[in-house]
Amino acid sequence: MPLSVAVPVLVLAILVRQGGSHGLRVWLMALTAVQRVTPWRMALQTLARAGAAQGLRSPGRPGDIAPPKGRNMRKFLVVLDDSRECLNAMRFAALRAAHTGGGVTILSIVPPDEFQTWVGVADLMRAEARERIEAHFEVFAKWMRDKQGVNPELVIREGDPVVEILAQVNEDPEIGVLVLGAGTDKSGPGPLVTALSRTSGNLPIPITIVPGDMSKERLESIT
């Protein structure tokens, strides 16, 4: 096996060992979306052949997987933030929901330390934060409604992002896929993608990671 393929195989094998089938699904989704790094595609093929007896498979399209037991896979959960890659995550979730007859839940998470002040002031700050979030949400929601025929719902939670995402998934059995946008610069994919990749084995649903630099045309072609 060439070294250029052996290294990705080793990395993917470690991910599967640490995260189980969800660990593999995270990277199957990401690499299926990118489809441009030949050694990694070869590594996936090698690993898929080796793991066929374990029932692991690559999805036809990102998000096209059987729903976890006890879930209807009707909603795509996407996180709303100020990052550039958030736009592609929103696009992907809306396009997949439109093509599969599903829905979209947009989750905004407010850090708890943002309101650590006097009670009256904290309440005012919460109200102002909610107004900003709702205005930001409406930008994406209008596009989803007008262009994709999808009417998203907004959920606002306060706390640690990873904890609140896990809580939202566990509280809503209709959520079938978590969609995250990944940064593509030298700083890495982003803190949320990194943190959730480490804890993907605790998620009852798969994660779809959408590269932030993927063009709109490419995104539409794979959804």
N, C-alpha and C. Protein backbone atom coordinates (compact mmCIF):
# COMPACT_ATOMS: atom_id res chain seq x y z
N MET A 1 0.85 -1.20 0.00
CA MET A 1 0.00 0.00 0.00
C MET A 1 0.89 1.24 0.00
N PRO A 2 0.66 2.20 -0.93
CA PRO A 2 1.48 3.42 -0.96
C PRO A 2 1.37 4.18 0.35
N LEU A 3 2.46 4.87 0.72
CA LEU A 3 2.48 5.63 1.97
C LEU A 3 1.40 6.70 1.97
N SER A 4 1.12 7.32 0.81
CA SER A 4 0.12 8.39 0.73
C SER A 4 -1.27 7.89 1.06
N VAL A 5 -1.50 6.58 0.89
CA VAL A 5 -2.79 5.99 1.24
C VAL A 5 -2.74 5.38 2.63
N ALA A 6 -1.59 4.83 3.01
CA ALA A 6 -1.46 4.16 4.31
C ALA A 6 -1.69 5.13 5.46
N VAL A 7 -1.19 6.36 5.35
CA VAL A 7 -1.36 7.33 6.43
C VAL A 7 -2.83 7.68 6.64
N PRO A 8 -3.58 8.04 5.57
CA PRO A 8 -5.01 8.29 5.78
C PRO A 8 -5.76 7.09 6.33
N VAL A 9 -5.40 5.88 5.90
CA VAL A 9 -6.05 4.68 6.42
C VAL A 9 -5.85 4.58 7.92
N LEU A 10 -4.61 4.84 8.36
CA LEU A 10 -4.30 4.77 9.80
C LEU A 10 -5.11 5.81 10.57
N VAL A 11 -5.17 7.04 10.04
CA VAL A 11 -5.93 8.10 10.72
C VAL A 11 -7.40 7.74 10.82
N LEU A 12 -7.98 7.26 9.72
CA LEU A 12 -9.39 6.90 9.72
C LEU A 12 -9.66 5.73 10.66
N ALA A 13 -8.74 4.78 10.70
CA ALA A 13 -8.91 3.64 11.59
C ALA A 13 -8.93 4.08 13.05
N ILE A 14 -8.08 5.06 13.39
CA ILE A 14 -8.06 5.58 14.75
C ILE A 14 -9.37 6.28 15.07
N LEU A 15 -9.90 7.04 14.10
CA LEU A 15 -11.18 7.74 14.31
C LEU A 15 -12.30 6.74 14.56
N VAL A 16 -12.32 5.66 13.78
CA VAL A 16 -13.35 4.64 13.96
C VAL A 16 -13.22 3.99 15.32
N ARG A 17 -11.97 3.70 15.72
CA ARG A 17 -11.75 3.05 17.01
C ARG A 17 -12.22 3.95 18.15
N GLN A 18 -11.98 5.28 18.03
CA GLN A 18 -12.36 6.20 19.09
C GLN A 18 -13.84 6.53 19.06
N GLY A 19 -14.40 6.69 17.88
CA GLY A 19 -15.78 7.16 17.79
C GLY A 19 -16.78 6.14 17.30
N GLY A 20 -16.34 4.89 17.06
CA GLY A 20 -17.27 3.89 16.57
C GLY A 20 -17.76 4.25 15.18
N SER A 21 -18.96 3.79 14.83
CA SER A 21 -19.49 4.05 13.50
C SER A 21 -19.71 5.53 13.27
N HIS A 22 -20.06 6.29 14.34
CA HIS A 22 -20.25 7.73 14.18
C HIS A 22 -18.93 8.40 13.83
N GLY A 23 -17.81 7.90 14.40
CA GLY A 23 -16.51 8.47 14.08
C GLY A 23 -16.21 8.35 12.60
N LEU A 24 -16.56 7.23 12.00
CA LEU A 24 -16.36 7.06 10.57
C LEU A 24 -17.34 7.91 9.79
N ARG A 25 -18.60 7.96 10.24
CA ARG A 25 -19.60 8.73 9.51
C ARG A 25 -19.23 10.20 9.40
N VAL A 26 -18.66 10.76 10.47
CA VAL A 26 -18.25 12.17 10.43
C VAL A 26 -17.34 12.42 9.25
N TRP A 27 -16.35 11.56 9.08
CA TRP A 27 -15.38 11.80 8.03
C TRP A 27 -15.86 11.30 6.68
N LEU A 28 -16.71 10.29 6.64
CA LEU A 28 -17.33 9.90 5.38
C LEU A 28 -18.11 11.06 4.80
N MET A 29 -18.88 11.74 5.66
CA MET A 29 -19.67 12.88 5.21
C MET A 29 -18.76 13.99 4.68
N ALA A 30 -17.75 14.34 5.44
CA ALA A 30 -16.87 15.43 5.05
C ALA A 30 -16.15 15.13 3.75
N LEU A 31 -15.63 13.92 3.63
CA LEU A 31 -14.85 13.59 2.45
C LEU A 31 -15.74 13.35 1.24
N THR A 32 -16.95 12.85 1.46
CA THR A 32 -17.88 12.70 0.36
C THR A 32 -18.24 14.07 -0.20
N ALA A 33 -18.35 15.06 0.69
CA ALA A 33 -18.67 16.42 0.26
C ALA A 33 -17.53 17.05 -0.51
N VAL A 34 -16.30 16.84 -0.04
CA VAL A 34 -15.15 17.47 -0.68
C VAL A 34 -14.79 16.78 -2.00
N GLN A 35 -14.60 15.47 -1.96
CA GLN A 35 -14.31 14.65 -3.13
C GLN A 35 -13.18 15.22 -4.00
N ARG A 36 -12.09 15.60 -3.37
CA ARG A 36 -11.01 16.16 -4.17
C ARG A 36 -9.64 15.71 -3.72
N VAL A 37 -9.56 14.96 -2.63
CA VAL A 37 -8.26 14.51 -2.13
C VAL A 37 -8.14 13.01 -2.42
N THR A 38 -7.46 12.68 -3.50
CA THR A 38 -7.42 11.31 -3.99
C THR A 38 -6.91 10.30 -2.97
N PRO A 39 -5.79 10.56 -2.26
CA PRO A 39 -5.33 9.57 -1.26
C PRO A 39 -6.37 9.27 -0.21
N TRP A 40 -7.14 10.28 0.19
CA TRP A 40 -8.16 10.04 1.22
C TRP A 40 -9.32 9.24 0.65
N ARG A 41 -9.68 9.47 -0.60
CA ARG A 41 -10.73 8.66 -1.21
C ARG A 41 -10.28 7.21 -1.30
N MET A 42 -9.03 6.99 -1.68
CA MET A 42 -8.49 5.64 -1.75
C MET A 42 -8.46 5.00 -0.37
N ALA A 43 -8.15 5.82 0.64
CA ALA A 43 -8.12 5.30 2.01
C ALA A 43 -9.51 4.87 2.45
N LEU A 44 -10.51 5.66 2.11
CA LEU A 44 -11.88 5.29 2.46
C LEU A 44 -12.30 3.99 1.80
N GLN A 45 -11.90 3.83 0.52
CA GLN A 45 -12.23 2.59 -0.19
C GLN A 45 -11.56 1.39 0.48
N THR A 46 -10.30 1.56 0.86
CA THR A 46 -9.57 0.49 1.53
C THR A 46 -10.22 0.14 2.87
N LEU A 47 -10.55 1.18 3.63
CA LEU A 47 -11.16 0.96 4.94
C LEU A 47 -12.56 0.38 4.81
N ALA A 48 -13.29 0.81 3.79
CA ALA A 48 -14.64 0.28 3.58
C ALA A 48 -14.61 -1.20 3.28
N ARG A 49 -13.62 -1.61 2.45
CA ARG A 49 -13.50 -3.04 2.14
C ARG A 49 -13.15 -3.84 3.40
N ALA A 50 -12.24 -3.28 4.19
CA ALA A 50 -11.82 -3.96 5.41
C ALA A 50 -12.93 -4.03 6.44
N GLY A 51 -13.81 -3.01 6.45
CA GLY A 51 -14.87 -2.96 7.45
C GLY A 51 -16.22 -3.41 6.96
N ALA A 52 -16.28 -3.99 5.76
CA ALA A 52 -17.57 -4.40 5.20
C ALA A 52 -18.29 -5.38 6.10
N ALA A 53 -17.51 -6.26 6.74
CA ALA A 53 -18.12 -7.27 7.62
C ALA A 53 -18.76 -6.64 8.85
N GLN A 54 -18.37 -5.40 9.17
CA GLN A 54 -18.94 -4.72 10.34
C GLN A 54 -20.17 -3.91 9.99
N GLY A 55 -20.55 -3.93 8.71
CA GLY A 55 -21.77 -3.23 8.31
C GLY A 55 -21.58 -1.74 8.09
N LEU A 56 -20.35 -1.25 7.97
CA LEU A 56 -20.10 0.17 7.72
C LEU A 56 -20.20 0.42 6.23
N ARG A 57 -20.84 1.55 5.86
CA ARG A 57 -20.97 1.85 4.45
C ARG A 57 -20.88 3.35 4.23
N SER A 58 -20.50 3.71 3.00
CA SER A 58 -20.44 5.12 2.64
C SER A 58 -21.78 5.56 2.10
N PRO A 59 -22.27 6.74 2.48
CA PRO A 59 -23.54 7.21 1.98
C PRO A 59 -23.45 7.62 0.53
N GLY A 60 -24.57 7.48 -0.21
CA GLY A 60 -24.59 7.91 -1.60
C GLY A 60 -24.38 9.41 -1.71
N ARG A 61 -25.06 10.18 -0.86
CA ARG A 61 -24.88 11.61 -0.78
C ARG A 61 -24.78 11.99 0.69
N PRO A 62 -24.14 13.11 0.99
CA PRO A 62 -24.08 13.54 2.39
C PRO A 62 -25.48 13.68 2.96
N GLY A 63 -25.75 13.00 4.05
CA GLY A 63 -27.08 13.07 4.66
C GLY A 63 -27.97 11.92 4.25
N ASP A 64 -27.58 11.12 3.24
CA ASP A 64 -28.38 9.99 2.80
C ASP A 64 -27.97 8.74 3.56
N ILE A 65 -28.39 8.61 4.80
CA ILE A 65 -28.09 7.45 5.60
C ILE A 65 -29.34 7.05 6.35
N ALA A 66 -29.37 5.81 6.78
CA ALA A 66 -30.54 5.34 7.51
C ALA A 66 -30.64 6.08 8.83
N PRO A 67 -31.88 6.49 9.22
CA PRO A 67 -32.03 7.21 10.49
C PRO A 67 -31.68 6.30 11.67
N PRO A 68 -31.07 6.85 12.71
CA PRO A 68 -30.78 6.06 13.90
C PRO A 68 -32.06 5.48 14.48
N LYS A 69 -31.93 4.38 15.17
CA LYS A 69 -33.10 3.70 15.74
C LYS A 69 -33.87 4.66 16.66
N GLY A 70 -35.18 4.70 16.45
CA GLY A 70 -36.03 5.55 17.26
C GLY A 70 -36.15 6.98 16.76
N ARG A 71 -35.52 7.28 15.60
CA ARG A 71 -35.58 8.63 15.05
C ARG A 71 -36.16 8.61 13.64
N ASN A 72 -36.92 9.64 13.30
CA ASN A 72 -37.56 9.71 11.99
C ASN A 72 -36.69 10.43 10.96
N MET A 73 -35.63 11.09 11.41
CA MET A 73 -34.73 11.83 10.53
C MET A 73 -35.49 12.83 9.67
N ARG A 74 -36.29 13.64 10.31
CA ARG A 74 -37.08 14.64 9.60
C ARG A 74 -36.43 16.02 9.61
N LYS A 75 -35.51 16.25 10.52
CA LYS A 75 -34.93 17.58 10.65
C LYS A 75 -33.40 17.56 10.54
N PHE A 76 -32.89 18.62 9.93
CA PHE A 76 -31.45 18.87 9.90
C PHE A 76 -31.17 19.97 10.91
N LEU A 77 -30.28 19.71 11.85
CA LEU A 77 -29.91 20.69 12.87
C LEU A 77 -28.66 21.43 12.43
N VAL A 78 -28.73 22.76 12.38
CA VAL A 78 -27.58 23.57 11.98
C VAL A 78 -27.38 24.68 12.99
N VAL A 79 -26.12 24.98 13.29
CA VAL A 79 -25.78 25.96 14.32
C VAL A 79 -25.59 27.34 13.70
N LEU A 80 -26.25 28.32 14.27
CA LEU A 80 -26.16 29.71 13.81
C LEU A 80 -25.07 30.44 14.59
N ASP A 81 -24.08 30.98 13.87
CA ASP A 81 -23.05 31.80 14.51
C ASP A 81 -22.56 32.83 13.50
N ASP A 82 -21.49 33.54 13.85
CA ASP A 82 -20.98 34.62 12.99
C ASP A 82 -19.85 34.17 12.07
N SER A 83 -19.59 32.88 12.00
CA SER A 83 -18.48 32.39 11.18
C SER A 83 -18.84 32.42 9.70
N ARG A 84 -17.82 32.49 8.85
CA ARG A 84 -18.04 32.49 7.40
C ARG A 84 -18.62 31.17 6.93
N GLU A 85 -18.17 30.07 7.56
CA GLU A 85 -18.60 28.75 7.12
C GLU A 85 -20.04 28.45 7.49
N CYS A 86 -20.62 29.27 8.37
CA CYS A 86 -22.03 29.07 8.74
C CYS A 86 -22.94 29.15 7.53
N LEU A 87 -22.60 30.00 6.57
CA LEU A 87 -23.42 30.17 5.37
C LEU A 87 -23.57 28.87 4.61
N ASN A 88 -22.47 28.14 4.40
CA ASN A 88 -22.54 26.89 3.66
C ASN A 88 -23.29 25.81 4.44
N ALA A 89 -23.15 25.82 5.75
CA ALA A 89 -23.91 24.86 6.57
C ALA A 89 -25.41 25.12 6.41
N MET A 90 -25.81 26.39 6.41
CA MET A 90 -27.21 26.74 6.23
C MET A 90 -27.71 26.32 4.85
N ARG A 91 -26.90 26.59 3.84
CA ARG A 91 -27.28 26.21 2.48
C ARG A 91 -27.47 24.70 2.36
N PHE A 92 -26.50 23.97 2.90
CA PHE A 92 -26.58 22.51 2.80
C PHE A 92 -27.84 21.98 3.49
N ALA A 93 -28.09 22.44 4.71
CA ALA A 93 -29.25 21.97 5.47
C ALA A 93 -30.55 22.26 4.73
N ALA A 94 -30.66 23.47 4.18
CA ALA A 94 -31.88 23.84 3.48
C ALA A 94 -32.07 23.03 2.20
N LEU A 95 -30.99 22.85 1.44
CA LEU A 95 -31.07 22.09 0.19
C LEU A 95 -31.44 20.64 0.45
N ARG A 96 -30.80 20.03 1.46
CA ARG A 96 -31.10 18.63 1.76
C ARG A 96 -32.52 18.47 2.29
N ALA A 97 -32.96 19.43 3.11
CA ALA A 97 -34.33 19.37 3.63
C ALA A 97 -35.34 19.49 2.49
N ALA A 98 -35.07 20.39 1.56
CA ALA A 98 -35.97 20.58 0.43
C ALA A 98 -36.03 19.34 -0.46
N HIS A 99 -34.89 18.69 -0.64
CA HIS A 99 -34.83 17.52 -1.52
C HIS A 99 -35.36 16.25 -0.87
N THR A 100 -35.43 16.23 0.44
CA THR A 100 -35.84 15.01 1.14
C THR A 100 -37.17 15.17 1.88
N GLY A 101 -37.79 16.35 1.77
CA GLY A 101 -39.05 16.57 2.47
C GLY A 101 -38.88 16.72 3.97
N GLY A 102 -37.70 17.16 4.39
CA GLY A 102 -37.42 17.31 5.81
C GLY A 102 -37.56 18.75 6.27
N GLY A 103 -37.14 19.01 7.49
CA GLY A 103 -37.19 20.34 8.06
C GLY A 103 -35.82 20.77 8.53
N VAL A 104 -35.74 22.01 8.98
CA VAL A 104 -34.48 22.57 9.47
C VAL A 104 -34.71 23.21 10.83
N THR A 105 -33.87 22.85 11.78
CA THR A 105 -33.84 23.53 13.08
C THR A 105 -32.54 24.30 13.18
N ILE A 106 -32.65 25.61 13.38
CA ILE A 106 -31.48 26.46 13.52
C ILE A 106 -31.27 26.74 15.00
N LEU A 107 -30.11 26.36 15.48
CA LEU A 107 -29.79 26.48 16.91
C LEU A 107 -28.77 27.59 17.13
N SER A 108 -29.11 28.54 17.98
CA SER A 108 -28.17 29.58 18.38
C SER A 108 -27.84 29.39 19.86
N ILE A 109 -26.56 29.40 20.18
CA ILE A 109 -26.12 29.14 21.55
C ILE A 109 -25.41 30.38 22.09
N VAL A 110 -25.89 30.87 23.22
CA VAL A 110 -25.32 32.06 23.84
C VAL A 110 -24.43 31.61 25.00
N PRO A 111 -23.16 32.04 25.02
CA PRO A 111 -22.28 31.66 26.13
C PRO A 111 -22.83 32.17 27.46
N PRO A 112 -22.78 31.37 28.52
CA PRO A 112 -23.36 31.77 29.80
C PRO A 112 -22.68 32.97 30.43
N ASP A 113 -21.37 33.15 30.19
CA ASP A 113 -20.65 34.25 30.81
C ASP A 113 -21.01 35.61 30.21
N GLU A 114 -21.79 35.59 29.13
CA GLU A 114 -22.18 36.84 28.49
C GLU A 114 -23.15 37.64 29.36
N PHE A 115 -23.83 36.97 30.29
CA PHE A 115 -24.84 37.64 31.10
C PHE A 115 -24.51 37.60 32.60
N GLN A 116 -23.25 37.44 32.94
CA GLN A 116 -22.87 37.39 34.35
C GLN A 116 -22.71 38.80 34.90
N THR A 117 -23.84 39.39 35.25
CA THR A 117 -23.87 40.74 35.80
C THR A 117 -25.12 40.86 36.67
N TRP A 118 -25.51 42.07 37.06
CA TRP A 118 -26.70 42.24 37.88
C TRP A 118 -27.93 41.71 37.17
N VAL A 119 -28.88 41.22 37.95
CA VAL A 119 -30.05 40.55 37.39
C VAL A 119 -30.79 41.42 36.38
N GLY A 120 -31.09 42.65 36.74
CA GLY A 120 -31.82 43.51 35.83
C GLY A 120 -31.08 43.77 34.53
N VAL A 121 -29.78 44.00 34.64
CA VAL A 121 -28.95 44.23 33.46
C VAL A 121 -28.85 42.96 32.62
N ALA A 122 -28.70 41.82 33.28
CA ALA A 122 -28.60 40.54 32.58
C ALA A 122 -29.86 40.27 31.76
N ASP A 123 -31.03 40.54 32.32
CA ASP A 123 -32.28 40.34 31.60
C ASP A 123 -32.35 41.23 30.36
N LEU A 124 -31.89 42.47 30.50
CA LEU A 124 -31.88 43.39 29.37
C LEU A 124 -30.92 42.91 28.29
N MET A 125 -29.76 42.41 28.71
CA MET A 125 -28.78 41.91 27.76
C MET A 125 -29.30 40.67 27.04
N ARG A 126 -30.01 39.81 27.75
CA ARG A 126 -30.61 38.63 27.12
C ARG A 126 -31.62 39.04 26.04
N ALA A 127 -32.45 40.04 26.38
CA ALA A 127 -33.45 40.50 25.42
C ALA A 127 -32.79 41.08 24.17
N GLU A 128 -31.73 41.85 24.37
CA GLU A 128 -31.01 42.43 23.24
C GLU A 128 -30.33 41.35 22.40
N ALA A 129 -29.75 40.34 23.08
CA ALA A 129 -29.10 39.25 22.38
C ALA A 129 -30.12 38.47 21.55
N ARG A 130 -31.29 38.25 22.10
CA ARG A 130 -32.34 37.54 21.38
C ARG A 130 -32.78 38.31 20.13
N GLU A 131 -32.87 39.62 20.25
CA GLU A 131 -33.24 40.43 19.09
C GLU A 131 -32.20 40.30 17.98
N ARG A 132 -30.91 40.33 18.36
CA ARG A 132 -29.85 40.18 17.36
C ARG A 132 -29.90 38.81 16.71
N ILE A 133 -30.11 37.79 17.51
CA ILE A 133 -30.17 36.42 16.99
C ILE A 133 -31.36 36.26 16.05
N GLU A 134 -32.51 36.78 16.44
CA GLU A 134 -33.71 36.66 15.60
C GLU A 134 -33.53 37.39 14.27
N ALA A 135 -32.86 38.55 14.29
CA ALA A 135 -32.61 39.28 13.05
C ALA A 135 -31.66 38.49 12.15
N HIS A 136 -30.62 37.90 12.75
CA HIS A 136 -29.68 37.07 12.00
C HIS A 136 -30.38 35.84 11.43
N PHE A 137 -31.20 35.20 12.25
CA PHE A 137 -31.96 34.03 11.82
C PHE A 137 -32.86 34.36 10.65
N GLU A 138 -33.51 35.51 10.70
CA GLU A 138 -34.50 35.86 9.68
C GLU A 138 -33.85 36.01 8.30
N VAL A 139 -32.58 36.41 8.25
CA VAL A 139 -31.88 36.50 6.97
C VAL A 139 -31.84 35.13 6.29
N PHE A 140 -31.45 34.10 7.05
CA PHE A 140 -31.40 32.74 6.50
C PHE A 140 -32.80 32.18 6.28
N ALA A 141 -33.69 32.44 7.23
CA ALA A 141 -35.04 31.89 7.15
C ALA A 141 -35.78 32.38 5.91
N LYS A 142 -35.62 33.67 5.59
CA LYS A 142 -36.31 34.22 4.40
C LYS A 142 -35.82 33.54 3.14
N TRP A 143 -34.50 33.33 3.04
CA TRP A 143 -33.95 32.63 1.87
C TRP A 143 -34.47 31.20 1.80
N MET A 144 -34.51 30.51 2.92
CA MET A 144 -35.00 29.12 2.93
C MET A 144 -36.46 29.05 2.51
N ARG A 145 -37.27 29.98 3.03
CA ARG A 145 -38.69 29.97 2.69
C ARG A 145 -38.92 30.33 1.22
N ASP A 146 -38.23 31.39 0.76
CA ASP A 146 -38.47 31.89 -0.60
C ASP A 146 -37.86 31.01 -1.68
N LYS A 147 -36.66 30.50 -1.43
CA LYS A 147 -35.93 29.76 -2.47
C LYS A 147 -36.08 28.25 -2.38
N GLN A 148 -36.24 27.71 -1.15
CA GLN A 148 -36.26 26.25 -0.98
C GLN A 148 -37.60 25.72 -0.48
N GLY A 149 -38.50 26.60 -0.12
CA GLY A 149 -39.79 26.13 0.39
C GLY A 149 -39.68 25.46 1.75
N VAL A 150 -38.67 25.82 2.51
CA VAL A 150 -38.43 25.24 3.83
C VAL A 150 -38.63 26.33 4.88
N ASN A 151 -39.45 26.06 5.87
CA ASN A 151 -39.70 27.04 6.93
C ASN A 151 -38.96 26.59 8.19
N PRO A 152 -37.78 27.16 8.47
CA PRO A 152 -36.97 26.70 9.60
C PRO A 152 -37.52 27.18 10.94
N GLU A 153 -37.15 26.47 11.98
CA GLU A 153 -37.49 26.90 13.33
C GLU A 153 -36.23 27.34 14.05
N LEU A 154 -36.38 28.31 14.95
CA LEU A 154 -35.25 28.84 15.71
C LEU A 154 -35.32 28.37 17.15
N VAL A 155 -34.18 27.88 17.64
CA VAL A 155 -34.05 27.49 19.05
C VAL A 155 -32.86 28.25 19.61
N ILE A 156 -33.06 28.93 20.74
CA ILE A 156 -31.98 29.65 21.40
C ILE A 156 -31.71 28.99 22.75
N ARG A 157 -30.47 28.63 22.98
CA ARG A 157 -30.07 28.00 24.24
C ARG A 157 -28.89 28.76 24.81
N GLU A 158 -28.72 28.65 26.10
CA GLU A 158 -27.63 29.32 26.80
C GLU A 158 -26.76 28.29 27.50
N GLY A 159 -25.45 28.32 27.23
CA GLY A 159 -24.55 27.36 27.86
C GLY A 159 -23.37 27.03 26.98
N ASP A 160 -22.70 25.93 27.32
CA ASP A 160 -21.58 25.45 26.53
C ASP A 160 -22.08 24.89 25.20
N PRO A 161 -21.48 25.26 24.06
CA PRO A 161 -22.00 24.83 22.76
C PRO A 161 -22.16 23.32 22.61
N VAL A 162 -21.13 22.55 22.96
CA VAL A 162 -21.21 21.10 22.79
C VAL A 162 -22.31 20.51 23.67
N VAL A 163 -22.38 20.95 24.92
CA VAL A 163 -23.40 20.45 25.86
C VAL A 163 -24.80 20.78 25.35
N GLU A 164 -24.99 22.00 24.84
CA GLU A 164 -26.31 22.41 24.39
C GLU A 164 -26.72 21.73 23.09
N ILE A 165 -25.77 21.46 22.22
CA ILE A 165 -26.08 20.72 20.99
C ILE A 165 -26.53 19.30 21.33
N LEU A 166 -25.78 18.64 22.22
CA LEU A 166 -26.15 17.29 22.64
C LEU A 166 -27.53 17.29 23.29
N ALA A 167 -27.81 18.31 24.12
CA ALA A 167 -29.10 18.39 24.79
C ALA A 167 -30.23 18.58 23.79
N GLN A 168 -30.02 19.43 22.79
CA GLN A 168 -31.06 19.67 21.78
C GLN A 168 -31.35 18.40 20.97
N VAL A 169 -30.30 17.70 20.60
CA VAL A 169 -30.47 16.45 19.85
C VAL A 169 -31.23 15.42 20.68
N ASN A 170 -30.89 15.31 21.96
CA ASN A 170 -31.54 14.32 22.82
C ASN A 170 -32.99 14.69 23.13
N GLU A 171 -33.29 15.99 23.14
CA GLU A 171 -34.65 16.44 23.47
C GLU A 171 -35.59 16.40 22.27
N ASP A 172 -35.05 16.42 21.06
CA ASP A 172 -35.89 16.43 19.86
C ASP A 172 -35.61 15.19 19.02
N PRO A 173 -36.45 14.16 19.12
CA PRO A 173 -36.21 12.91 18.39
C PRO A 173 -36.39 13.03 16.88
N GLU A 174 -36.90 14.17 16.40
CA GLU A 174 -37.07 14.34 14.96
C GLU A 174 -35.79 14.82 14.28
N ILE A 175 -34.79 15.22 15.05
CA ILE A 175 -33.51 15.63 14.47
C ILE A 175 -32.74 14.39 14.05
N GLY A 176 -32.35 14.35 12.78
CA GLY A 176 -31.66 13.17 12.26
C GLY A 176 -30.22 13.39 11.86
N VAL A 177 -29.84 14.65 11.56
CA VAL A 177 -28.47 14.95 11.12
C VAL A 177 -28.06 16.30 11.69
N LEU A 178 -26.83 16.39 12.17
CA LEU A 178 -26.24 17.66 12.60
C LEU A 178 -25.34 18.16 11.48
N VAL A 179 -25.56 19.39 11.04
CA VAL A 179 -24.78 19.98 9.95
C VAL A 179 -23.87 21.07 10.51
N LEU A 180 -22.58 20.94 10.24
CA LEU A 180 -21.60 21.93 10.71
C LEU A 180 -20.78 22.45 9.54
N GLY A 181 -20.47 23.74 9.56
CA GLY A 181 -19.57 24.31 8.57
C GLY A 181 -18.15 24.26 9.11
N ALA A 182 -17.20 23.92 8.25
CA ALA A 182 -15.80 23.80 8.67
C ALA A 182 -14.95 24.87 8.02
N GLY A 183 -14.14 25.53 8.82
CA GLY A 183 -13.19 26.49 8.29
C GLY A 183 -12.12 25.78 7.47
N THR A 184 -11.55 26.47 6.51
CA THR A 184 -10.56 25.84 5.63
C THR A 184 -9.22 26.58 5.64
N ASP A 185 -9.04 27.50 6.57
CA ASP A 185 -7.76 28.21 6.63
C ASP A 185 -6.79 27.47 7.55
N LYS A 186 -5.63 28.08 7.79
CA LYS A 186 -4.58 27.41 8.56
C LYS A 186 -4.95 27.20 10.03
N SER A 187 -5.93 27.93 10.52
CA SER A 187 -6.31 27.80 11.93
C SER A 187 -7.10 26.53 12.21
N GLY A 188 -7.50 25.82 11.16
CA GLY A 188 -8.22 24.56 11.35
C GLY A 188 -9.70 24.68 11.08
N PRO A 189 -10.46 23.60 11.28
CA PRO A 189 -11.89 23.59 10.93
C PRO A 189 -12.76 24.41 11.86
N GLY A 190 -12.23 24.82 13.01
CA GLY A 190 -13.03 25.60 13.95
C GLY A 190 -13.21 24.84 15.26
N PRO A 191 -13.38 25.57 16.36
CA PRO A 191 -13.48 24.91 17.67
C PRO A 191 -14.67 23.99 17.81
N LEU A 192 -15.80 24.34 17.20
CA LEU A 192 -16.99 23.50 17.35
C LEU A 192 -16.83 22.18 16.61
N VAL A 193 -16.32 22.22 15.40
CA VAL A 193 -16.09 20.99 14.63
C VAL A 193 -15.08 20.11 15.36
N THR A 194 -14.02 20.72 15.85
CA THR A 194 -12.98 19.96 16.56
C THR A 194 -13.54 19.29 17.81
N ALA A 195 -14.29 20.05 18.60
CA ALA A 195 -14.85 19.51 19.85
C ALA A 195 -15.86 18.41 19.58
N LEU A 196 -16.73 18.60 18.61
CA LEU A 196 -17.76 17.59 18.34
C LEU A 196 -17.19 16.36 17.66
N SER A 197 -16.11 16.52 16.90
CA SER A 197 -15.46 15.34 16.31
C SER A 197 -14.91 14.44 17.39
N ARG A 198 -14.41 15.05 18.47
CA ARG A 198 -13.87 14.25 19.57
C ARG A 198 -14.97 13.51 20.33
N THR A 199 -16.17 14.10 20.37
CA THR A 199 -17.26 13.51 21.15
C THR A 199 -18.34 12.92 20.26
N SER A 200 -18.03 12.67 18.98
CA SER A 200 -19.05 12.19 18.05
C SER A 200 -19.64 10.85 18.48
N GLY A 201 -18.86 10.07 19.24
CA GLY A 201 -19.38 8.79 19.70
C GLY A 201 -20.53 8.94 20.68
N ASN A 202 -20.68 10.14 21.28
CA ASN A 202 -21.78 10.39 22.21
C ASN A 202 -23.04 10.89 21.52
N LEU A 203 -22.93 11.21 20.25
CA LEU A 203 -24.08 11.70 19.51
C LEU A 203 -24.91 10.53 18.97
N PRO A 204 -26.23 10.58 19.11
CA PRO A 204 -27.07 9.52 18.57
C PRO A 204 -27.36 9.69 17.08
N ILE A 205 -26.79 10.74 16.48
CA ILE A 205 -27.00 11.02 15.06
C ILE A 205 -25.65 11.29 14.39
N PRO A 206 -25.58 11.16 13.07
CA PRO A 206 -24.33 11.47 12.36
C PRO A 206 -24.16 12.98 12.18
N ILE A 207 -22.92 13.36 11.85
CA ILE A 207 -22.59 14.75 11.59
C ILE A 207 -22.20 14.90 10.12
N THR A 208 -22.73 15.92 9.47
CA THR A 208 -22.28 16.28 8.13
C THR A 208 -21.43 17.54 8.25
N ILE A 209 -20.18 17.46 7.79
CA ILE A 209 -19.28 18.60 7.85
C ILE A 209 -19.15 19.20 6.45
N VAL A 210 -19.51 20.46 6.32
CA VAL A 210 -19.51 21.12 5.01
C VAL A 210 -18.34 22.10 4.94
N PRO A 211 -17.43 21.93 4.00
CA PRO A 211 -16.30 22.87 3.87
C PRO A 211 -16.78 24.29 3.61
N GLY A 212 -16.20 25.24 4.33
CA GLY A 212 -16.64 26.62 4.21
C GLY A 212 -16.30 27.26 2.89
N ASP A 213 -15.32 26.73 2.16
CA ASP A 213 -14.93 27.33 0.89
C ASP A 213 -15.57 26.66 -0.31
N MET A 214 -16.50 25.73 -0.08
CA MET A 214 -17.16 25.07 -1.20
C MET A 214 -18.08 26.05 -1.92
N SER A 215 -18.01 26.06 -3.24
CA SER A 215 -18.82 27.00 -4.01
C SER A 215 -20.30 26.63 -3.94
N LYS A 216 -21.14 27.63 -4.18
CA LYS A 216 -22.58 27.41 -4.19
C LYS A 216 -22.97 26.38 -5.23
N GLU A 217 -22.32 26.44 -6.39
CA GLU A 217 -22.62 25.51 -7.47
C GLU A 217 -22.25 24.08 -7.09
N ARG A 218 -21.10 23.92 -6.46
CA ARG A 218 -20.66 22.58 -6.03
C ARG A 218 -21.58 22.04 -4.95
N LEU A 219 -21.99 22.93 -4.06
CA LEU A 219 -22.88 22.53 -2.97
C LEU A 219 -24.22 22.04 -3.53
N GLU A 220 -24.73 22.76 -4.50
CA GLU A 220 -26.01 22.37 -5.10
C GLU A 220 -25.90 21.04 -5.84
N SER A 221 -24.73 20.78 -6.42
CA SER A 221 -24.56 19.55 -7.21
C SER A 221 -24.50 18.31 -6.35
N ILE A 222 -24.11 18.43 -5.07
CA ILE A 222 -23.99 17.24 -4.22
C ILE A 222 -25.19 17.04 -3.30
N THR A 223 -26.13 17.98 -3.33
CA THR A 223 -27.30 17.83 -2.47
C THR A 223 -28.53 17.45 -3.27
